[in-house]
Protein backbone atom coordinates (compact mmCIF):
# COMPACT_ATOMS: atom_id res chain seq x y z
CA UNK A 1 18.30 -37.80 95.38
CA UNK A 2 16.12 -39.22 92.57
CA UNK A 3 14.37 -42.49 93.28
CA UNK A 4 14.79 -45.57 91.11
CA UNK A 5 11.61 -44.85 89.12
CA UNK A 6 12.85 -41.36 88.23
CA UNK A 7 16.18 -42.82 87.10
CA UNK A 8 14.49 -45.49 84.97
CA UNK A 9 12.13 -42.87 83.55
CA UNK A 10 15.08 -40.70 82.53
CA UNK A 11 16.75 -43.69 80.89
CA UNK A 12 13.56 -44.47 78.93
CA UNK A 13 13.41 -40.83 77.78
CA UNK A 14 17.09 -40.92 76.73
CA UNK A 15 16.54 -44.10 74.71
CA UNK A 16 13.40 -42.63 73.10
CA UNK A 17 15.16 -39.40 72.14
CA UNK A 18 18.20 -41.28 70.84
CA UNK A 19 15.85 -42.98 68.40
CA UNK A 20 14.16 -39.69 67.48
CA UNK A 21 10.77 -40.93 68.64
CA UNK A 22 8.10 -38.66 70.01
CA UNK A 23 6.37 -39.57 73.24
CA UNK A 24 3.26 -40.42 71.23
CA UNK A 25 5.16 -42.65 68.79
CA UNK A 26 6.79 -44.68 71.56
CA UNK A 27 3.51 -44.90 73.47
CA UNK A 28 1.81 -46.32 70.39
CA UNK A 29 4.59 -48.84 69.75
CA UNK A 30 4.46 -49.99 73.39
CA UNK A 31 0.65 -50.00 73.55
CA UNK A 32 0.58 -47.36 76.29
CA UNK A 33 -1.14 -44.01 76.53
CA UNK A 34 1.09 -40.98 75.98
CA UNK A 35 -0.04 -39.61 79.35
CA UNK A 36 1.04 -42.78 81.18
CA UNK A 37 4.38 -42.87 79.34
CA UNK A 38 5.01 -39.21 80.21
CA UNK A 39 4.34 -39.97 83.87
CA UNK A 40 6.76 -42.91 83.72
CA UNK A 41 9.47 -40.76 82.10
CA UNK A 42 9.06 -38.14 84.84
CA UNK A 43 9.17 -40.80 87.56
CA UNK A 44 5.64 -39.98 88.68
CA UNK A 45 4.28 -43.49 88.09
CA UNK A 46 5.72 -46.86 88.94
CA UNK A 47 5.94 -49.26 86.05
CA UNK A 48 5.48 -53.00 86.11
CA UNK A 49 7.92 -55.52 84.70
CA UNK A 50 5.41 -56.13 81.88
CA UNK A 51 5.40 -52.42 81.00
CA UNK A 52 9.19 -52.32 81.16
CA UNK A 53 9.28 -55.24 78.73
CA UNK A 54 6.82 -53.52 76.34
CA UNK A 55 9.00 -50.41 76.30
CA UNK A 56 12.18 -52.44 75.80
CA UNK A 57 10.64 -54.25 72.83
CA UNK A 58 9.39 -50.98 71.33
CA UNK A 59 12.85 -49.43 71.73
CA UNK A 60 14.70 -52.56 70.55
CA UNK A 61 16.77 -52.76 73.73
CA UNK A 62 17.12 -55.15 76.61
CA UNK A 63 14.99 -54.36 79.67
CA UNK A 64 18.32 -54.22 81.53
CA UNK A 65 19.35 -51.25 79.37
CA UNK A 66 16.31 -49.35 80.59
CA UNK A 67 17.28 -50.06 84.18
CA UNK A 68 20.78 -48.60 83.83
CA UNK A 69 20.92 -45.62 86.10
CA UNK A 70 24.51 -44.44 85.67
CA UNK A 71 25.24 -41.45 83.49
CA UNK A 72 26.72 -41.74 80.01
CA UNK A 73 29.50 -39.16 80.37
CA UNK A 74 31.85 -41.18 78.15
CA UNK A 75 29.28 -41.65 75.38
CA UNK A 76 31.19 -40.64 72.22
CA UNK A 77 29.70 -39.01 69.13
CA UNK A 78 30.42 -42.19 67.20
CA UNK A 79 28.49 -44.23 69.76
CA UNK A 80 25.58 -41.79 69.63
CA UNK A 81 25.42 -41.93 65.83
CA UNK A 82 25.71 -45.74 65.80
CA UNK A 83 22.96 -45.99 68.42
CA UNK A 84 20.72 -43.72 66.39
CA UNK A 85 21.25 -45.76 63.21
CA UNK A 86 21.21 -49.20 64.81
CA UNK A 87 17.50 -49.87 64.35
CA UNK A 88 16.93 -48.01 61.11
CA UNK A 89 16.18 -49.88 57.89
CA UNK A 90 19.06 -50.30 55.47
CA UNK A 91 17.62 -47.82 52.97
CA UNK A 92 17.63 -45.10 55.67
CA UNK A 93 21.22 -45.94 56.59
CA UNK A 94 22.25 -45.58 52.94
CA UNK A 95 20.58 -42.16 52.68
CA UNK A 96 22.26 -41.00 55.91
CA UNK A 97 25.65 -42.26 54.70
CA UNK A 98 25.35 -40.52 51.32
CA UNK A 99 24.18 -37.31 53.00
CA UNK A 100 27.09 -37.33 55.46
CA UNK A 101 29.57 -38.05 52.68
CA UNK A 102 28.20 -35.07 50.73
CA UNK A 103 28.28 -32.80 53.81
CA UNK A 104 31.89 -33.74 54.57
CA UNK A 105 32.90 -32.81 51.04
CA UNK A 106 31.30 -29.39 51.51
CA UNK A 107 32.90 -28.92 54.93
CA UNK A 108 36.37 -29.62 53.54
CA UNK A 109 35.98 -26.44 51.51
CA UNK A 110 35.69 -24.25 54.64
């Protein structure tokens, strides 16, 4: 059974990937080394409350969200897309919207 640090590490990795951030990008935003962040994500290193807060700020989530250890089996596609877009600038959201609208028009032809 995974320990609490492995579960938190997996949650941090899920949040990072949901935001399409590389390990290096998140490490830089949280003022951590990529090596240390990788060890946290794998549950190999214990993280302090201060480090948890740095990661939460860098990911734009509550520290509590990083401590969730239940699985997201009911996480819908709409939720995943909304989560991905949530912290993007408006101009990126507009580009994504226009691109999706265009793709849906093409898909209707199939």
